[in-house]
Amino acid sequence: QAQYGFLVHFSLARLFDDEKKFEQAFQSLKIANQQVAQHRGYDAAGYKQLLDSLKQITVATPCTLEAITPVPIFIVGMPRSGSTLIEQILAGHPQICSTNELPFIENIARSLDQQGGLAGTIAGLGSDEQSTLRDTYYAQVAPHLETGKAFFTDKWPDNFWFVALIFALIAEAKIINIIRDPLDNAMGQFRQYFAKGNAFSFSLPGILDYWSNYLQIMNHWDQVFPGKILHVSYEQLATSPQQEMKRVYEYCGLGFAAESLDITQGQRNIMTPSGSQLRSGINAHSIGSGEHYHNSIQRYRPELERLTLQAKRLIKP
């Protein structure tokens, strides 16, 4: 049983948080996360290497294939940033089919990486390979689709690494990057036990390092694919959903569907940690929640402020 002791500390942190005893909550979180991190190390050097190699892609690999339907809408970003919220809204649009979290693009990327480095392999893709990979992707997605819809959502936050691959296979793909305030997001991750993946989330330095990678690569993709990625502010989505979703639907080439804003209707099963938070509809409850921990995170302030400035630059008005 001792190996699950960290769960007790995550639960204690939640209780302290509910009682507004934030410094005690933070101490419990520190113990919980340290215990998990001993078994789930974050490979910072590996991600730095991935970042550096993807930055070598400075020219888009042309997609030689004819347009295909339905068109995927990829939802990317940091975990706990609002990807489930935007997916739930999009799922309410009559032209969009919602799917589960789909690891298929990442799986394709991993197989390409093993063939001699991801960046070089993407750059060298010919028509036949593009066609084969796209067919593989659509065959895997097919069981999740409904007939008669023009678009489907593909929510896998980590796909922000694979933007060049996505556009090389599906030129008309839509990519929505949802960005949340770095402090709120960092604490949201630190308070969440992820049963798999997200090894960076078990320490604040790990979270901030991964944030920095994420902003750098998104900034890079913006230069390689100007105007092709839509950056959405979680805060604007939560406080002005109608205004923000008009932008999103316009980017997708769809008309605005007011009914999609009521995410309590026809609620699908949400398998992510956000499920319970979304049953009450779109709300701004969690905005500013990271500030509760201001005494405990002083040493991370300068880096958080730097990341916040960079994140704001990505979100163009």
C-alpha atoms as a PDB file:
ATOM      1  CA  GLN A   1       0.000   0.000   0.000  1.00  0.00           C
ATOM      2  CA  ALA A   2       2.906   2.334   0.701  1.00  0.00           C
ATOM      3  CA  GLN A   3       3.452   2.852  -3.014  1.00  0.00           C
ATOM      4  CA  TYR A   4       0.110   4.698  -3.186  1.00  0.00           C
ATOM      5  CA  GLY A   5       0.864   6.934  -0.204  1.00  0.00           C
ATOM      6  CA  PHE A   6       1.196   9.910  -2.556  1.00  0.00           C
ATOM      7  CA  LEU A   7      -2.574   9.728  -3.222  1.00  0.00           C
ATOM      8  CA  VAL A   8      -3.197  10.468   0.451  1.00  0.00           C
ATOM      9  CA  HIS A   9      -1.099  13.639   0.122  1.00  0.00           C
ATOM     10  CA  PHE A  10      -2.944  14.720  -3.048  1.00  0.00           C
ATOM     11  CA  SER A  11      -6.226  14.224  -1.162  1.00  0.00           C
ATOM     12  CA  LEU A  12      -4.942  16.130   1.876  1.00  0.00           C
ATOM     13  CA  ALA A  13      -3.902  18.992  -0.407  1.00  0.00           C
ATOM     14  CA  ARG A  14      -7.444  19.120  -1.787  1.00  0.00           C
ATOM     15  CA  LEU A  15      -8.905  19.286   1.727  1.00  0.00           C
ATOM     16  CA  PHE A  16      -6.478  22.036   2.788  1.00  0.00           C
ATOM     17  CA  ASP A  17      -7.262  23.896  -0.433  1.00  0.00           C
ATOM     18  CA  ASP A  18     -11.017  23.690   0.300  1.00  0.00           C
ATOM     19  CA  GLU A  19     -10.318  25.099   3.774  1.00  0.00           C
ATOM     20  CA  LYS A  20      -8.215  27.891   2.203  1.00  0.00           C
ATOM     21  CA  LYS A  21      -5.098  26.650   4.039  1.00  0.00           C
ATOM     22  CA  PHE A  22      -2.993  27.126   0.960  1.00  0.00           C
ATOM     23  CA  GLU A  23       0.477  26.860   2.466  1.00  0.00           C
ATOM     24  CA  GLN A  24      -0.410  23.525   4.073  1.00  0.00           C
ATOM     25  CA  ALA A  25      -1.959  22.436   0.784  1.00  0.00           C
ATOM     26  CA  PHE A  26       1.272  23.289  -1.026  1.00  0.00           C
ATOM     27  CA  GLN A  27       3.366  21.275   1.460  1.00  0.00           C
ATOM     28  CA  SER A  28       1.136  18.231   0.868  1.00  0.00           C
ATOM     29  CA  LEU A  29       1.422  18.727  -2.891  1.00  0.00           C
ATOM     30  CA  LYS A  30       5.200  18.914  -2.644  1.00  0.00           C
ATOM     31  CA  ILE A  31       5.368  15.582  -0.781  1.00  0.00           C
ATOM     32  CA  ALA A  32       2.884  13.918  -3.162  1.00  0.00           C
ATOM     33  CA  ASN A  33       4.660  15.096  -6.311  1.00  0.00           C
ATOM     34  CA  GLN A  34       8.139  14.261  -5.002  1.00  0.00           C
ATOM     35  CA  GLN A  35       7.009  10.704  -4.282  1.00  0.00           C
ATOM     36  CA  VAL A  36       5.657  10.268  -7.816  1.00  0.00           C
ATOM     37  CA  ALA A  37       8.684  11.955  -9.428  1.00  0.00           C
ATOM     38  CA  GLN A  38      11.006   9.321  -7.914  1.00  0.00           C
ATOM     39  CA  HIS A  39       9.403   6.742 -10.225  1.00  0.00           C
ATOM     40  CA  ARG A  40       8.409   8.961 -13.149  1.00  0.00           C
ATOM     41  CA  GLY A  41      11.425  11.078 -14.060  1.00  0.00           C
ATOM     42  CA  TYR A  42      11.056  13.991 -16.492  1.00  0.00           C
ATOM     43  CA  ASP A  43      13.487  13.744 -19.419  1.00  0.00           C
ATOM     44  CA  ALA A  44      14.218  17.471 -19.805  1.00  0.00           C
ATOM     45  CA  ALA A  45      17.230  16.822 -22.074  1.00  0.00           C
ATOM     46  CA  GLY A  46      15.155  14.626 -24.390  1.00  0.00           C
ATOM     47  CA  TYR A  47      12.532  17.350 -24.863  1.00  0.00           C
ATOM     48  CA  LYS A  48      15.223  19.983 -25.425  1.00  0.00           C
ATOM     49  CA  GLN A  49      16.647  17.746 -28.152  1.00  0.00           C
ATOM     50  CA  LEU A  50      13.180  17.337 -29.728  1.00  0.00           C
ATOM     51  CA  LEU A  51      12.669  21.118 -29.627  1.00  0.00           C
ATOM     52  CA  ASP A  52      16.052  21.830 -31.231  1.00  0.00           C
ATOM     53  CA  SER A  53      15.499  19.260 -33.969  1.00  0.00           C
ATOM     54  CA  LEU A  54      11.984  20.515 -34.822  1.00  0.00           C
ATOM     55  CA  LYS A  55      13.282  24.081 -34.992  1.00  0.00           C
ATOM     56  CA  GLN A  56      15.337  22.928 -37.986  1.00  0.00           C
ATOM     57  CA  ILE A  57      12.060  22.730 -39.931  1.00  0.00           C
ATOM     58  CA  THR A  58      11.970  26.213 -41.421  1.00  0.00           C
ATOM     59  CA  VAL A  59      10.001  25.430 -44.586  1.00  0.00           C
ATOM     60  CA  ALA A  60       6.620  23.708 -44.664  1.00  0.00           C
ATOM     61  CA  THR A  61       6.685  20.287 -46.334  1.00  0.00           C
ATOM     62  CA  PRO A  62       4.093  20.667 -49.121  1.00  0.00           C
ATOM     63  CA  CYS A  63       1.115  18.316 -48.838  1.00  0.00           C
ATOM     64  CA  THR A  64       0.647  16.852 -52.316  1.00  0.00           C
ATOM     65  CA  LEU A  65      -2.652  15.106 -51.564  1.00  0.00           C
ATOM     66  CA  GLU A  66      -6.155  16.183 -52.568  1.00  0.00           C
ATOM     67  CA  ALA A  67      -8.401  17.672 -49.898  1.00  0.00           C
ATOM     68  CA  ILE A  68     -10.134  15.152 -47.680  1.00  0.00           C
ATOM     69  CA  THR A  69     -13.263  15.158 -45.522  1.00  0.00           C
ATOM     70  CA  PRO A  70     -14.139  15.165 -42.743  1.00  0.00           C
ATOM     71  CA  VAL A  71     -11.509  17.715 -41.686  1.00  0.00           C
ATOM     72  CA  PRO A  72      -9.811  17.267 -38.292  1.00  0.00           C
ATOM     73  CA  ILE A  73      -9.780  20.117 -35.784  1.00  0.00           C
ATOM     74  CA  PHE A  74      -6.734  19.453 -33.618  1.00  0.00           C
ATOM     75  CA  ILE A  75      -6.972  20.846 -30.080  1.00  0.00           C
ATOM     76  CA  VAL A  76      -3.511  21.317 -28.573  1.00  0.00           C
ATOM     77  CA  GLY A  77      -1.894  23.043 -25.607  1.00  0.00           C
ATOM     78  CA  MET A  78      -0.619  22.344 -22.120  1.00  0.00           C
ATOM     79  CA  PRO A  79      -2.617  19.830 -20.074  1.00  0.00           C
ATOM     80  CA  ARG A  80      -5.190  21.496 -17.743  1.00  0.00           C
ATOM     81  CA  SER A  81      -5.458  24.512 -20.075  1.00  0.00           C
ATOM     82  CA  GLY A  82      -9.071  24.210 -21.179  1.00  0.00           C
ATOM     83  CA  SER A  83      -8.770  21.740 -24.073  1.00  0.00           C
ATOM     84  CA  THR A  84     -11.738  19.726 -22.771  1.00  0.00           C
ATOM     85  CA  LEU A  85     -13.830  22.898 -22.454  1.00  0.00           C
ATOM     86  CA  ILE A  86     -13.279  23.954 -26.061  1.00  0.00           C
ATOM     87  CA  GLU A  87     -13.810  20.381 -27.257  1.00  0.00           C
ATOM     88  CA  GLN A  88     -17.164  20.228 -25.447  1.00  0.00           C
ATOM     89  CA  ILE A  89     -18.272  23.503 -27.054  1.00  0.00           C
ATOM     90  CA  LEU A  90     -17.188  22.404 -30.546  1.00  0.00           C
ATOM     91  CA  ALA A  91     -19.019  19.103 -30.054  1.00  0.00           C
ATOM     92  CA  GLY A  92     -22.273  21.058 -29.807  1.00  0.00           C
ATOM     93  CA  HIS A  93     -21.913  22.367 -33.368  1.00  0.00           C
ATOM     94  CA  PRO A  94     -24.110  20.472 -35.850  1.00  0.00           C
ATOM     95  CA  GLN A  95     -21.217  20.148 -38.335  1.00  0.00           C
ATOM     96  CA  ILE A  96     -18.632  18.798 -35.852  1.00  0.00           C
ATOM     97  CA  CYS A  97     -18.267  15.257 -34.544  1.00  0.00           C
ATOM     98  CA  SER A  98     -16.518  14.923 -31.190  1.00  0.00           C
ATOM     99  CA  THR A  99     -14.140  11.986 -30.576  1.00  0.00           C
ATOM    100  CA  ASN A 100     -12.095  10.712 -27.625  1.00  0.00           C
ATOM    101  CA  GLU A 101      -8.497  11.656 -26.859  1.00  0.00           C
ATOM    102  CA  LEU A 102      -6.685  10.275 -29.912  1.00  0.00           C
ATOM    103  CA  PRO A 103      -2.961   9.369 -29.768  1.00  0.00           C
ATOM    104  CA  PHE A 104      -2.755   8.550 -33.490  1.00  0.00           C
ATOM    105  CA  ILE A 105      -0.693  11.524 -34.728  1.00  0.00           C
ATOM    106  CA  GLU A 106       1.801  11.065 -31.894  1.00  0.00           C
ATOM    107  CA  ASN A 107       2.060   7.350 -32.725  1.00  0.00           C
ATOM    108  CA  ILE A 108       2.811   8.171 -36.377  1.00  0.00           C
ATOM    109  CA  ALA A 109       5.388  10.750 -35.232  1.00  0.00           C
ATOM    110  CA  ARG A 110       7.091   8.177 -33.000  1.00  0.00           C
ATOM    111  CA  SER A 111       7.357   5.684 -35.844  1.00  0.00           C
ATOM    112  CA  LEU A 112       8.826   8.376 -38.147  1.00  0.00           C
ATOM    113  CA  ASP A 113      11.265   9.424 -35.442  1.00  0.00           C
ATOM    114  CA  GLN A 114      12.606   5.874 -35.324  1.00  0.00           C
ATOM    115  CA  GLN A 115      13.225   6.005 -39.073  1.00  0.00           C
ATOM    116  CA  GLY A 116      15.959   8.596 -38.644  1.00  0.00           C
ATOM    117  CA  GLY A 117      14.774  11.660 -36.750  1.00  0.00           C
ATOM    118  CA  LEU A 118      11.375  13.308 -36.924  1.00  0.00           C
ATOM    119  CA  ALA A 119      12.352  16.626 -38.515  1.00  0.00           C
ATOM    120  CA  GLY A 120      14.355  15.054 -41.373  1.00  0.00           C
ATOM    121  CA  THR A 121      11.738  12.388 -42.031  1.00  0.00           C
ATOM    122  CA  ILE A 122       8.904  14.941 -42.265  1.00  0.00           C
ATOM    123  CA  ALA A 123      10.965  17.103 -44.633  1.00  0.00           C
ATOM    124  CA  GLY A 124      11.607  14.098 -46.889  1.00  0.00           C
ATOM    125  CA  LEU A 125       8.025  12.801 -47.139  1.00  0.00           C
ATOM    126  CA  GLY A 126       7.006  12.024 -50.732  1.00  0.00           C
ATOM    127  CA  SER A 127       3.444  11.711 -52.055  1.00  0.00           C
ATOM    128  CA  ASP A 128       3.276   7.945 -51.524  1.00  0.00           C
ATOM    129  CA  GLU A 129       4.380   8.183 -47.897  1.00  0.00           C
ATOM    130  CA  GLN A 130       2.023  11.105 -47.248  1.00  0.00           C
ATOM    131  CA  SER A 131      -0.831   9.086 -48.701  1.00  0.00           C
ATOM    132  CA  THR A 132       0.018   5.952 -46.677  1.00  0.00           C
ATOM    133  CA  LEU A 133       0.356   7.893 -43.410  1.00  0.00           C
ATOM    134  CA  ARG A 134      -2.848   9.841 -43.983  1.00  0.00           C
ATOM    135  CA  ASP A 135      -4.722   6.607 -44.785  1.00  0.00           C
ATOM    136  CA  THR A 136      -3.335   5.088 -41.569  1.00  0.00           C
ATOM    137  CA  TYR A 137      -4.552   8.084 -39.562  1.00  0.00           C
ATOM    138  CA  TYR A 138      -8.053   8.089 -41.082  1.00  0.00           C
ATOM    139  CA  ALA A 139      -8.382   4.301 -40.672  1.00  0.00           C
ATOM    140  CA  GLN A 140      -7.609   4.691 -36.954  1.00  0.00           C
ATOM    141  CA  VAL A 141      -9.987   7.649 -36.560  1.00  0.00           C
ATOM    142  CA  ALA A 142     -12.835   6.009 -38.534  1.00  0.00           C
ATOM    143  CA  PRO A 143     -14.439   4.077 -35.628  1.00  0.00           C
ATOM    144  CA  HIS A 144     -14.842   7.381 -33.717  1.00  0.00           C
ATOM    145  CA  LEU A 145     -16.599   9.294 -36.527  1.00  0.00           C
ATOM    146  CA  GLU A 146     -20.265   9.954 -37.297  1.00  0.00           C
ATOM    147  CA  THR A 147     -21.348  10.122 -40.937  1.00  0.00           C
ATOM    148  CA  GLY A 148     -22.501  13.364 -42.464  1.00  0.00           C
ATOM    149  CA  LYS A 149     -20.361  15.770 -40.426  1.00  0.00           C
ATOM    150  CA  ALA A 150     -17.799  17.997 -42.116  1.00  0.00           C
ATOM    151  CA  PHE A 151     -15.353  18.177 -39.185  1.00  0.00           C
ATOM    152  CA  PHE A 152     -14.220  16.141 -36.187  1.00  0.00           C
ATOM    153  CA  THR A 153     -12.233  17.083 -33.107  1.00  0.00           C
ATOM    154  CA  ASP A 154      -8.904  15.435 -32.345  1.00  0.00           C
ATOM    155  CA  LYS A 155      -7.907  16.443 -28.827  1.00  0.00           C
ATOM    156  CA  TRP A 156      -4.432  15.348 -27.834  1.00  0.00           C
ATOM    157  CA  PRO A 157      -2.728  18.312 -26.141  1.00  0.00           C
ATOM    158  CA  ASP A 158       0.808  17.054 -26.949  1.00  0.00           C
ATOM    159  CA  ASN A 159       0.141  17.312 -30.693  1.00  0.00           C
ATOM    160  CA  PHE A 160       1.580  20.846 -30.485  1.00  0.00           C
ATOM    161  CA  TRP A 161       4.930  19.141 -31.141  1.00  0.00           C
ATOM    162  CA  PHE A 162       3.694  17.644 -34.422  1.00  0.00           C
ATOM    163  CA  VAL A 163       2.203  20.617 -36.285  1.00  0.00           C
ATOM    164  CA  ALA A 164       4.578  20.197 -39.253  1.00  0.00           C
ATOM    165  CA  LEU A 165       3.584  16.541 -39.579  1.00  0.00           C
ATOM    166  CA  ILE A 166      -0.138  17.376 -39.389  1.00  0.00           C
ATOM    167  CA  PHE A 167       0.067  19.941 -42.206  1.00  0.00           C
ATOM    168  CA  ALA A 168       2.276  17.636 -44.317  1.00  0.00           C
ATOM    169  CA  LEU A 169      -0.495  14.999 -44.246  1.00  0.00           C
ATOM    170  CA  ILE A 170      -3.662  17.134 -44.090  1.00  0.00           C
ATOM    171  CA  ALA A 171      -3.173  20.607 -45.582  1.00  0.00           C
ATOM    172  CA  GLU A 172      -6.699  21.732 -44.641  1.00  0.00           C
ATOM    173  CA  ALA A 173      -6.419  20.616 -40.981  1.00  0.00           C
ATOM    174  CA  LYS A 174      -7.377  23.155 -38.319  1.00  0.00           C
ATOM    175  CA  ILE A 175      -5.190  23.581 -35.239  1.00  0.00           C
ATOM    176  CA  ILE A 176      -6.538  25.333 -32.150  1.00  0.00           C
ATOM    177  CA  ASN A 177      -3.949  26.031 -29.463  1.00  0.00           C
ATOM    178  CA  ILE A 178      -5.575  26.871 -26.138  1.00  0.00           C
ATOM    179  CA  ILE A 179      -3.393  28.960 -23.816  1.00  0.00           C
ATOM    180  CA  ARG A 180      -4.060  29.451 -20.119  1.00  0.00           C
ATOM    181  CA  ASP A 181      -2.348  31.760 -17.626  1.00  0.00           C
ATOM    182  CA  PRO A 182       0.966  30.007 -16.775  1.00  0.00           C
ATOM    183  CA  LEU A 183       0.585  30.354 -12.973  1.00  0.00           C
ATOM    184  CA  ASP A 184      -2.993  29.025 -12.908  1.00  0.00           C
ATOM    185  CA  ASN A 185      -1.973  26.255 -15.289  1.00  0.00           C
ATOM    186  CA  ALA A 186       1.206  25.318 -13.389  1.00  0.00           C
ATOM    187  CA  MET A 187      -0.720  24.970 -10.127  1.00  0.00           C
ATOM    188  CA  GLY A 188      -3.535  23.139 -11.938  1.00  0.00           C
ATOM    189  CA  GLN A 189      -1.012  20.549 -13.090  1.00  0.00           C
ATOM    190  CA  PHE A 190       0.841  20.376  -9.772  1.00  0.00           C
ATOM    191  CA  ARG A 191      -2.464  19.660  -8.010  1.00  0.00           C
ATOM    192  CA  GLN A 192      -3.434  16.920 -10.486  1.00  0.00           C
ATOM    193  CA  TYR A 193      -2.154  13.345 -10.340  1.00  0.00           C
ATOM    194  CA  PHE A 194      -1.742  12.112 -13.930  1.00  0.00           C
ATOM    195  CA  ALA A 195      -1.844   8.308 -13.943  1.00  0.00           C
ATOM    196  CA  LYS A 196       0.207   8.228 -17.146  1.00  0.00           C
ATOM    197  CA  GLY A 197       2.279  10.645 -19.210  1.00  0.00           C
ATOM    198  CA  ASN A 198       3.063  14.251 -18.254  1.00  0.00           C
ATOM    199  CA  ALA A 199       6.137  13.324 -16.207  1.00  0.00           C
ATOM    200  CA  PHE A 200       7.096  17.027 -16.155  1.00  0.00           C
ATOM    201  CA  SER A 201       4.011  17.812 -14.046  1.00  0.00           C
ATOM    202  CA  PHE A 202       5.425  16.406 -10.790  1.00  0.00           C
ATOM    203  CA  SER A 203       7.729  19.353 -10.117  1.00  0.00           C
ATOM    204  CA  LEU A 204       7.328  23.085 -10.670  1.00  0.00           C
ATOM    205  CA  PRO A 205      10.723  23.398 -12.414  1.00  0.00           C
ATOM    206  CA  GLY A 206       9.628  20.551 -14.730  1.00  0.00           C
ATOM    207  CA  ILE A 207       6.309  22.258 -15.494  1.00  0.00           C
ATOM    208  CA  LEU A 208       8.015  25.589 -16.235  1.00  0.00           C
ATOM    209  CA  ASP A 209      10.645  23.910 -18.412  1.00  0.00           C
ATOM    210  CA  TYR A 210       7.939  22.178 -20.461  1.00  0.00           C
ATOM    211  CA  TRP A 211       5.985  25.452 -20.702  1.00  0.00           C
ATOM    212  CA  SER A 212       9.065  27.139 -22.119  1.00  0.00           C
ATOM    213  CA  ASN A 213       9.469  24.370 -24.740  1.00  0.00           C
ATOM    214  CA  TYR A 214       5.792  24.621 -25.637  1.00  0.00           C
ATOM    215  CA  LEU A 215       5.882  28.397 -26.176  1.00  0.00           C
ATOM    216  CA  GLN A 216       9.116  28.194 -28.172  1.00  0.00           C
ATOM    217  CA  ILE A 217       7.807  25.542 -30.560  1.00  0.00           C
ATOM    218  CA  MET A 218       4.408  27.254 -30.998  1.00  0.00           C
ATOM    219  CA  ASN A 219       6.196  30.498 -31.768  1.00  0.00           C
ATOM    220  CA  HIS A 220       8.322  28.616 -34.303  1.00  0.00           C
ATOM    221  CA  TRP A 221       5.272  27.019 -35.978  1.00  0.00           C
ATOM    222  CA  ASP A 222       3.661  30.453 -36.258  1.00  0.00           C
ATOM    223  CA  GLN A 223       6.612  31.541 -38.377  1.00  0.00           C
ATOM    224  CA  VAL A 224       6.623  28.395 -40.550  1.00  0.00           C
ATOM    225  CA  PHE A 225       2.810  28.317 -40.949  1.00  0.00           C
ATOM    226  CA  PRO A 226       1.732  31.972 -40.678  1.00  0.00           C
ATOM    227  CA  GLY A 227      -1.973  32.388 -39.913  1.00  0.00           C
ATOM    228  CA  LYS A 228      -2.676  28.640 -39.975  1.00  0.00           C
ATOM    229  CA  ILE A 229      -2.873  28.078 -36.201  1.00  0.00           C
ATOM    230  CA  LEU A 230      -5.522  29.745 -34.051  1.00  0.00           C
ATOM    231  CA  HIS A 231      -4.389  30.666 -30.532  1.00  0.00           C
ATOM    232  CA  VAL A 232      -7.254  30.900 -28.059  1.00  0.00           C
ATOM    233  CA  SER A 233      -7.027  32.415 -24.576  1.00  0.00           C
ATOM    234  CA  TYR A 234      -8.675  30.202 -21.950  1.00  0.00           C
ATOM    235  CA  GLU A 235      -9.515  33.309 -19.907  1.00  0.00           C
ATOM    236  CA  GLN A 236     -11.273  34.977 -22.856  1.00  0.00           C
ATOM    237  CA  LEU A 237     -13.101  31.747 -23.675  1.00  0.00           C
ATOM    238  CA  ALA A 238     -14.332  31.358 -20.084  1.00  0.00           C
ATOM    239  CA  THR A 239     -15.406  35.000 -19.677  1.00  0.00           C
ATOM    240  CA  SER A 240     -16.587  35.896 -23.226  1.00  0.00           C
ATOM    241  CA  PRO A 241     -17.446  32.532 -24.787  1.00  0.00           C
ATOM    242  CA  GLN A 242     -19.668  33.914 -27.540  1.00  0.00           C
ATOM    243  CA  GLN A 243     -17.086  36.403 -28.792  1.00  0.00           C
ATOM    244  CA  GLU A 244     -14.265  33.853 -28.621  1.00  0.00           C
ATOM    245  CA  MET A 245     -16.205  31.028 -30.302  1.00  0.00           C
ATOM    246  CA  LYS A 246     -17.226  33.338 -33.156  1.00  0.00           C
ATOM    247  CA  ARG A 247     -13.497  33.655 -33.881  1.00  0.00           C
ATOM    248  CA  VAL A 248     -13.035  29.881 -33.626  1.00  0.00           C
ATOM    249  CA  TYR A 249     -15.921  29.035 -35.971  1.00  0.00           C
ATOM    250  CA  GLU A 250     -14.820  31.701 -38.441  1.00  0.00           C
ATOM    251  CA  TYR A 251     -11.315  30.176 -38.452  1.00  0.00           C
ATOM    252  CA  CYS A 252     -12.881  26.756 -39.181  1.00  0.00           C
ATOM    253  CA  GLY A 253     -15.040  28.219 -41.949  1.00  0.00           C
ATOM    254  CA  LEU A 254     -18.228  27.452 -40.025  1.00  0.00           C
ATOM    255  CA  GLY A 255     -21.226  29.521 -39.030  1.00  0.00           C
ATOM    256  CA  PHE A 256     -21.698  30.399 -35.354  1.00  0.00           C
ATOM    257  CA  ALA A 257     -23.877  27.915 -33.457  1.00  0.00           C
ATOM    258  CA  ALA A 258     -25.220  29.586 -30.299  1.00  0.00           C
ATOM    259  CA  GLU A 259     -26.531  26.266 -28.957  1.00  0.00           C
ATOM    260  CA  SER A 260     -22.978  24.922 -28.711  1.00  0.00           C
ATOM    261  CA  LEU A 261     -22.281  27.278 -25.783  1.00  0.00           C
ATOM    262  CA  ASP A 262     -24.616  25.282 -23.532  1.00  0.00           C
ATOM    263  CA  ILE A 263     -22.233  22.440 -22.712  1.00  0.00           C
ATOM    264  CA  THR A 264     -24.591  20.997 -20.085  1.00  0.00           C
ATOM    265  CA  GLN A 265     -26.881  19.722 -22.873  1.00  0.00           C
ATOM    266  CA  GLY A 266     -26.276  16.204 -24.183  1.00  0.00           C
ATOM    267  CA  GLN A 267     -23.118  15.965 -22.104  1.00  0.00           C
ATOM    268  CA  ARG A 268     -20.790  13.310 -23.457  1.00  0.00           C
ATOM    269  CA  ASN A 269     -18.745  11.223 -21.090  1.00  0.00           C
ATOM    270  CA  ILE A 270     -15.660  13.258 -20.288  1.00  0.00           C
ATOM    271  CA  MET A 271     -12.779  10.948 -19.467  1.00  0.00           C
ATOM    272  CA  THR A 272     -10.334  13.696 -18.487  1.00  0.00           C
ATOM    273  CA  PRO A 273      -9.850  15.327 -15.048  1.00  0.00           C
ATOM    274  CA  SER A 274     -11.972  18.289 -16.192  1.00  0.00           C
ATOM    275  CA  GLY A 275     -15.211  16.302 -16.255  1.00  0.00           C
ATOM    276  CA  SER A 276     -16.649  17.376 -12.914  1.00  0.00           C
ATOM    277  CA  GLN A 277     -15.710  21.022 -13.467  1.00  0.00           C
ATOM    278  CA  LEU A 278     -17.605  21.240 -16.758  1.00  0.00           C
ATOM    279  CA  ARG A 279     -20.930  19.736 -15.690  1.00  0.00           C
ATOM    280  CA  SER A 280     -22.012  23.160 -14.425  1.00  0.00           C
ATOM    281  CA  GLY A 281     -21.344  24.797 -17.809  1.00  0.00           C
ATOM    282  CA  ILE A 282     -18.830  27.427 -18.930  1.00  0.00           C
ATOM    283  CA  ASN A 283     -17.535  29.354 -15.929  1.00  0.00           C
ATOM    284  CA  ALA A 284     -14.585  31.456 -14.806  1.00  0.00           C
ATOM    285  CA  HIS A 285     -14.198  29.906 -11.323  1.00  0.00           C
ATOM    286  CA  SER A 286     -10.607  28.772 -11.777  1.00  0.00           C
ATOM    287  CA  ILE A 287      -9.229  32.049 -13.169  1.00  0.00           C
ATOM    288  CA  GLY A 288      -6.703  33.448 -10.681  1.00  0.00           C
ATOM    289  CA  SER A 289      -6.678  30.263  -8.587  1.00  0.00           C
ATOM    290  CA  GLY A 290      -2.886  29.994  -8.832  1.00  0.00           C
ATOM    291  CA  GLU A 291      -2.545  33.228  -6.819  1.00  0.00           C
ATOM    292  CA  HIS A 292      -3.761  31.387  -3.695  1.00  0.00           C
ATOM    293  CA  TYR A 293      -0.291  29.855  -3.595  1.00  0.00           C
ATOM    294  CA  HIS A 294       1.634  33.127  -3.965  1.00  0.00           C
ATOM    295  CA  ASN A 295       3.624  32.658  -0.728  1.00  0.00           C
ATOM    296  CA  SER A 296       4.799  29.209  -1.762  1.00  0.00           C
ATOM    297  CA  ILE A 297       5.863  29.993  -5.334  1.00  0.00           C
ATOM    298  CA  GLN A 298       7.865  33.214  -4.874  1.00  0.00           C
ATOM    299  CA  ARG A 299      11.072  31.692  -6.230  1.00  0.00           C
ATOM    300  CA  TYR A 300       9.316  30.810  -9.516  1.00  0.00           C
ATOM    301  CA  ARG A 301       7.864  34.303 -10.039  1.00  0.00           C
ATOM    302  CA  PRO A 302      10.476  35.651 -12.487  1.00  0.00           C
ATOM    303  CA  GLU A 303      10.158  32.604 -14.775  1.00  0.00           C
ATOM    304  CA  LEU A 304       6.340  32.683 -14.549  1.00  0.00           C
ATOM    305  CA  GLU A 305       6.336  36.364 -15.521  1.00  0.00           C
ATOM    306  CA  ARG A 306       8.619  35.672 -18.476  1.00  0.00           C
ATOM    307  CA  LEU A 307       6.348  32.835 -19.671  1.00  0.00           C
ATOM    308  CA  THR A 308       3.233  34.979 -19.194  1.00  0.00           C
ATOM    309  CA  LEU A 309       4.659  37.703 -21.450  1.00  0.00           C
ATOM    310  CA  GLN A 310       5.559  35.145 -24.137  1.00  0.00           C
ATOM    311  CA  ALA A 311       2.125  33.513 -23.925  1.00  0.00           C
ATOM    312  CA  LYS A 312       0.398  36.880 -24.373  1.00  0.00           C
ATOM    313  CA  ARG A 313       2.424  37.549 -27.520  1.00  0.00           C
ATOM    314  CA  LEU A 314       1.062  34.367 -29.102  1.00  0.00           C
ATOM    315  CA  ILE A 315      -2.552  35.415 -28.526  1.00  0.00           C
ATOM    316  CA  LYS A 316      -3.105  38.093 -31.096  1.00  0.00           C
ATOM    317  CA  PRO A 317      -6.238  40.236 -30.704  1.00  0.00           C
END
